[in-house]
Amino acid sequence: MSISDDEKFMQMAYREAQAAYADGEIPVGAVVVCNGMVIARSHNLTEMLNDVTAHAEMQAITAATNQLGGKYLNKCTMYVTLEPCVMCAGALGWSQLGRLVWGADDAKRGFSRFAPEALHPKTEIAKGVMAKECAEIIQEFFKNKR
């Protein structure tokens, strides 16, 4: 049984979420892929950096654009374990991301609820890849925090 590329790369993003969890961060992970190669990976660093903008997606955008030497990610796909928030979706829109794949929906803070037009108009979206696992790690994290 082979897994799809989306599942393979989401598994990498999930491992980033697990690293965030281990560090006491909200467990969200992101991976940026260009031409079939991972060019950036990150997870939430808001606690470590004491920075509310240090979301996994923001960290991955910065790493990917540095790797490519330009500000646009139009030929790239980002895999993220949780639907991006409005801030991250806005940054992904400015980066002209080619494709966005997320695992779990975020009914409370996801961009599709508050700013569904935030992404670049040409950005393709796929959602629900490893949704169960991605949702469970978030739920477990907050259950243990309470």
C-alpha atoms as a PDB file:
ATOM      1  CA  MET A   1       0.000   0.000   0.000  1.00  0.00           C
ATOM      2  CA  SER A   2       1.473   3.338  -1.010  1.00  0.00           C
ATOM      3  CA  ILE A   3       0.556   6.673   0.449  1.00  0.00           C
ATOM      4  CA  SER A   4      -0.060   9.792  -1.566  1.00  0.00           C
ATOM      5  CA  ASP A   5       2.436  12.647  -1.667  1.00  0.00           C
ATOM      6  CA  ASP A   6      -0.059  14.717   0.318  1.00  0.00           C
ATOM      7  CA  GLU A   7      -0.076  12.116   3.093  1.00  0.00           C
ATOM      8  CA  LYS A   8       3.714  11.747   2.988  1.00  0.00           C
ATOM      9  CA  PHE A   9       4.312  15.468   3.387  1.00  0.00           C
ATOM     10  CA  MET A  10       1.510  15.843   5.946  1.00  0.00           C
ATOM     11  CA  GLN A  11       3.224  13.160   8.013  1.00  0.00           C
ATOM     12  CA  MET A  12       6.313  15.403   8.025  1.00  0.00           C
ATOM     13  CA  ALA A  13       4.202  18.359   9.135  1.00  0.00           C
ATOM     14  CA  TYR A  14       2.669  16.143  11.818  1.00  0.00           C
ATOM     15  CA  ARG A  15       6.148  15.281  13.121  1.00  0.00           C
ATOM     16  CA  GLU A  16       6.758  19.026  13.410  1.00  0.00           C
ATOM     17  CA  ALA A  17       3.511  19.311  15.402  1.00  0.00           C
ATOM     18  CA  GLN A  18       4.744  16.544  17.700  1.00  0.00           C
ATOM     19  CA  ALA A  19       7.983  18.500  18.246  1.00  0.00           C
ATOM     20  CA  ALA A  20       5.925  21.576  19.138  1.00  0.00           C
ATOM     21  CA  TYR A  21       3.890  19.502  21.590  1.00  0.00           C
ATOM     22  CA  ALA A  22       7.066  18.198  23.226  1.00  0.00           C
ATOM     23  CA  ASP A  23       8.267  21.808  23.623  1.00  0.00           C
ATOM     24  CA  GLY A  24       5.006  22.952  25.235  1.00  0.00           C
ATOM     25  CA  GLU A  25       3.889  24.811  22.114  1.00  0.00           C
ATOM     26  CA  ILE A  26       0.451  24.486  20.546  1.00  0.00           C
ATOM     27  CA  PRO A  27       1.092  21.486  18.289  1.00  0.00           C
ATOM     28  CA  VAL A  28       0.923  22.849  14.770  1.00  0.00           C
ATOM     29  CA  GLY A  29       3.504  21.890  12.167  1.00  0.00           C
ATOM     30  CA  ALA A  30       4.163  23.074   8.631  1.00  0.00           C
ATOM     31  CA  VAL A  31       6.245  21.902   5.683  1.00  0.00           C
ATOM     32  CA  VAL A  32       6.825  23.726   2.382  1.00  0.00           C
ATOM     33  CA  VAL A  33       7.480  21.634  -0.715  1.00  0.00           C
ATOM     34  CA  CYS A  34       8.763  22.908  -4.055  1.00  0.00           C
ATOM     35  CA  ASN A  35       9.341  20.637  -7.053  1.00  0.00           C
ATOM     36  CA  GLY A  36       8.849  17.587  -4.850  1.00  0.00           C
ATOM     37  CA  MET A  37      11.506  18.647  -2.329  1.00  0.00           C
ATOM     38  CA  VAL A  38      11.005  19.908   1.212  1.00  0.00           C
ATOM     39  CA  ILE A  39      12.505  23.404   1.351  1.00  0.00           C
ATOM     40  CA  ALA A  40      11.213  24.451   4.781  1.00  0.00           C
ATOM     41  CA  ARG A  41       9.724  22.955   7.902  1.00  0.00           C
ATOM     42  CA  SER A  42       8.673  24.475  11.182  1.00  0.00           C
ATOM     43  CA  HIS A  43       6.297  24.373  14.092  1.00  0.00           C
ATOM     44  CA  ASN A  44       4.793  26.900  16.448  1.00  0.00           C
ATOM     45  CA  LEU A  45       7.417  28.872  18.366  1.00  0.00           C
ATOM     46  CA  THR A  46       5.206  31.441  20.066  1.00  0.00           C
ATOM     47  CA  GLU A  47       6.166  30.413  23.614  1.00  0.00           C
ATOM     48  CA  MET A  48       9.867  29.980  22.953  1.00  0.00           C
ATOM     49  CA  LEU A  49      10.187  33.293  21.087  1.00  0.00           C
ATOM     50  CA  ASN A  50       7.570  35.083  23.204  1.00  0.00           C
ATOM     51  CA  ASP A  51       6.045  36.218  19.907  1.00  0.00           C
ATOM     52  CA  VAL A  52       2.370  35.842  19.020  1.00  0.00           C
ATOM     53  CA  THR A  53       3.256  35.920  15.304  1.00  0.00           C
ATOM     54  CA  ALA A  54       5.616  32.912  15.487  1.00  0.00           C
ATOM     55  CA  HIS A  55       3.071  30.473  14.090  1.00  0.00           C
ATOM     56  CA  ALA A  56       4.290  27.413  12.179  1.00  0.00           C
ATOM     57  CA  GLU A  57       3.150  28.881   8.854  1.00  0.00           C
ATOM     58  CA  MET A  58       4.913  32.208   9.414  1.00  0.00           C
ATOM     59  CA  GLN A  59       8.150  30.440  10.331  1.00  0.00           C
ATOM     60  CA  ALA A  60       7.858  28.182   7.282  1.00  0.00           C
ATOM     61  CA  ILE A  61       7.153  31.101   4.916  1.00  0.00           C
ATOM     62  CA  THR A  62      10.282  32.884   6.108  1.00  0.00           C
ATOM     63  CA  ALA A  63      12.438  29.758   5.813  1.00  0.00           C
ATOM     64  CA  ALA A  64      11.058  28.910   2.353  1.00  0.00           C
ATOM     65  CA  THR A  65      11.511  32.386   0.905  1.00  0.00           C
ATOM     66  CA  ASN A  66      15.045  32.505   2.298  1.00  0.00           C
ATOM     67  CA  GLN A  67      15.761  29.136   0.693  1.00  0.00           C
ATOM     68  CA  LEU A  68      14.357  30.263  -2.671  1.00  0.00           C
ATOM     69  CA  GLY A  69      15.888  33.726  -2.547  1.00  0.00           C
ATOM     70  CA  GLY A  70      12.589  35.434  -3.332  1.00  0.00           C
ATOM     71  CA  LYS A  71       9.341  36.416  -1.662  1.00  0.00           C
ATOM     72  CA  TYR A  72       6.896  34.372  -3.742  1.00  0.00           C
ATOM     73  CA  LEU A  73       5.912  30.756  -3.165  1.00  0.00           C
ATOM     74  CA  ASN A  74       3.691  30.387  -6.224  1.00  0.00           C
ATOM     75  CA  LYS A  75       5.356  27.108  -7.242  1.00  0.00           C
ATOM     76  CA  CYS A  76       5.190  25.679  -3.720  1.00  0.00           C
ATOM     77  CA  THR A  77       2.786  23.706  -1.561  1.00  0.00           C
ATOM     78  CA  MET A  78       2.470  24.229   2.163  1.00  0.00           C
ATOM     79  CA  TYR A  79       1.311  21.344   4.322  1.00  0.00           C
ATOM     80  CA  VAL A  80       0.044  22.444   7.722  1.00  0.00           C
ATOM     81  CA  THR A  81      -1.624  20.324  10.380  1.00  0.00           C
ATOM     82  CA  LEU A  82      -4.267  22.925  11.281  1.00  0.00           C
ATOM     83  CA  GLU A  83      -6.234  25.317   9.104  1.00  0.00           C
ATOM     84  CA  PRO A  84      -4.356  28.632   9.100  1.00  0.00           C
ATOM     85  CA  CYS A  85      -5.607  31.596  11.092  1.00  0.00           C
ATOM     86  CA  VAL A  86      -6.402  34.926   9.425  1.00  0.00           C
ATOM     87  CA  MET A  87      -2.868  36.265  10.034  1.00  0.00           C
ATOM     88  CA  CYS A  88      -1.221  33.250   8.449  1.00  0.00           C
ATOM     89  CA  ALA A  89      -3.685  33.111   5.559  1.00  0.00           C
ATOM     90  CA  GLY A  90      -2.944  36.768   4.848  1.00  0.00           C
ATOM     91  CA  ALA A  91       0.789  36.091   4.793  1.00  0.00           C
ATOM     92  CA  LEU A  92       0.230  33.063   2.552  1.00  0.00           C
ATOM     93  CA  GLY A  93      -1.836  35.289   0.256  1.00  0.00           C
ATOM     94  CA  TRP A  94       0.978  37.853   0.032  1.00  0.00           C
ATOM     95  CA  SER A  95       3.449  35.049  -0.702  1.00  0.00           C
ATOM     96  CA  GLN A  96       1.193  33.905  -3.563  1.00  0.00           C
ATOM     97  CA  LEU A  97       1.375  30.300  -2.338  1.00  0.00           C
ATOM     98  CA  GLY A  98       0.546  27.872  -5.134  1.00  0.00           C
ATOM     99  CA  ARG A  99      -1.192  25.243  -3.035  1.00  0.00           C
ATOM    100  CA  LEU A 100      -2.275  24.878   0.582  1.00  0.00           C
ATOM    101  CA  VAL A 101      -2.998  21.516   2.207  1.00  0.00           C
ATOM    102  CA  TRP A 102      -4.220  21.302   5.792  1.00  0.00           C
ATOM    103  CA  GLY A 103      -5.181  18.527   8.148  1.00  0.00           C
ATOM    104  CA  ALA A 104      -7.731  19.596  10.770  1.00  0.00           C
ATOM    105  CA  ASP A 105     -10.249  22.390  10.320  1.00  0.00           C
ATOM    106  CA  ASP A 106     -10.164  25.172  12.919  1.00  0.00           C
ATOM    107  CA  ALA A 107     -13.791  26.092  13.544  1.00  0.00           C
ATOM    108  CA  LYS A 108     -12.874  28.699  16.182  1.00  0.00           C
ATOM    109  CA  ARG A 109      -9.976  30.590  14.545  1.00  0.00           C
ATOM    110  CA  GLY A 110      -9.621  29.327  10.976  1.00  0.00           C
ATOM    111  CA  PHE A 111      -9.383  31.833   8.141  1.00  0.00           C
ATOM    112  CA  SER A 112     -12.218  30.245   6.158  1.00  0.00           C
ATOM    113  CA  ARG A 113     -14.666  31.404   8.832  1.00  0.00           C
ATOM    114  CA  PHE A 114     -13.397  34.978   9.182  1.00  0.00           C
ATOM    115  CA  ALA A 115     -11.567  35.831   5.944  1.00  0.00           C
ATOM    116  CA  PRO A 116     -12.290  33.231   3.258  1.00  0.00           C
ATOM    117  CA  GLU A 117     -10.790  35.472   0.550  1.00  0.00           C
ATOM    118  CA  ALA A 118      -7.442  35.960   2.343  1.00  0.00           C
ATOM    119  CA  LEU A 119      -5.454  33.557   0.164  1.00  0.00           C
ATOM    120  CA  HIS A 120      -4.217  34.484  -3.293  1.00  0.00           C
ATOM    121  CA  PRO A 121      -6.972  33.801  -5.863  1.00  0.00           C
ATOM    122  CA  LYS A 122      -4.814  31.214  -7.661  1.00  0.00           C
ATOM    123  CA  THR A 123      -3.957  29.241  -4.511  1.00  0.00           C
ATOM    124  CA  GLU A 124      -5.337  25.709  -4.704  1.00  0.00           C
ATOM    125  CA  ILE A 125      -6.705  24.248  -1.463  1.00  0.00           C
ATOM    126  CA  ALA A 126      -6.922  20.672  -0.225  1.00  0.00           C
ATOM    127  CA  LYS A 127      -8.093  19.916   3.283  1.00  0.00           C
ATOM    128  CA  GLY A 128      -8.693  16.967   5.534  1.00  0.00           C
ATOM    129  CA  VAL A 129      -5.389  15.148   4.951  1.00  0.00           C
ATOM    130  CA  MET A 130      -4.742  13.197   8.174  1.00  0.00           C
ATOM    131  CA  ALA A 131      -7.547  15.271   9.724  1.00  0.00           C
ATOM    132  CA  LYS A 132      -8.185  12.801  12.549  1.00  0.00           C
ATOM    133  CA  GLU A 133      -4.577  12.681  13.759  1.00  0.00           C
ATOM    134  CA  CYS A 134      -4.112  16.431  13.357  1.00  0.00           C
ATOM    135  CA  ALA A 135      -7.269  17.166  15.355  1.00  0.00           C
ATOM    136  CA  GLU A 136      -6.430  14.639  18.070  1.00  0.00           C
ATOM    137  CA  ILE A 137      -3.000  16.092  18.884  1.00  0.00           C
ATOM    138  CA  ILE A 138      -4.524  19.569  19.321  1.00  0.00           C
ATOM    139  CA  GLN A 139      -7.355  18.219  21.468  1.00  0.00           C
ATOM    140  CA  GLU A 140      -4.937  16.210  23.624  1.00  0.00           C
ATOM    141  CA  PHE A 141      -2.698  19.261  24.091  1.00  0.00           C
ATOM    142  CA  PHE A 142      -5.533  21.472  25.354  1.00  0.00           C
ATOM    143  CA  LYS A 143      -7.038  18.677  27.452  1.00  0.00           C
ATOM    144  CA  ASN A 144      -3.697  18.334  29.250  1.00  0.00           C
ATOM    145  CA  LYS A 145      -3.436  22.121  29.695  1.00  0.00           C
ATOM    146  CA  ARG A 146      -6.737  22.338  31.587  1.00  0.00           C
END
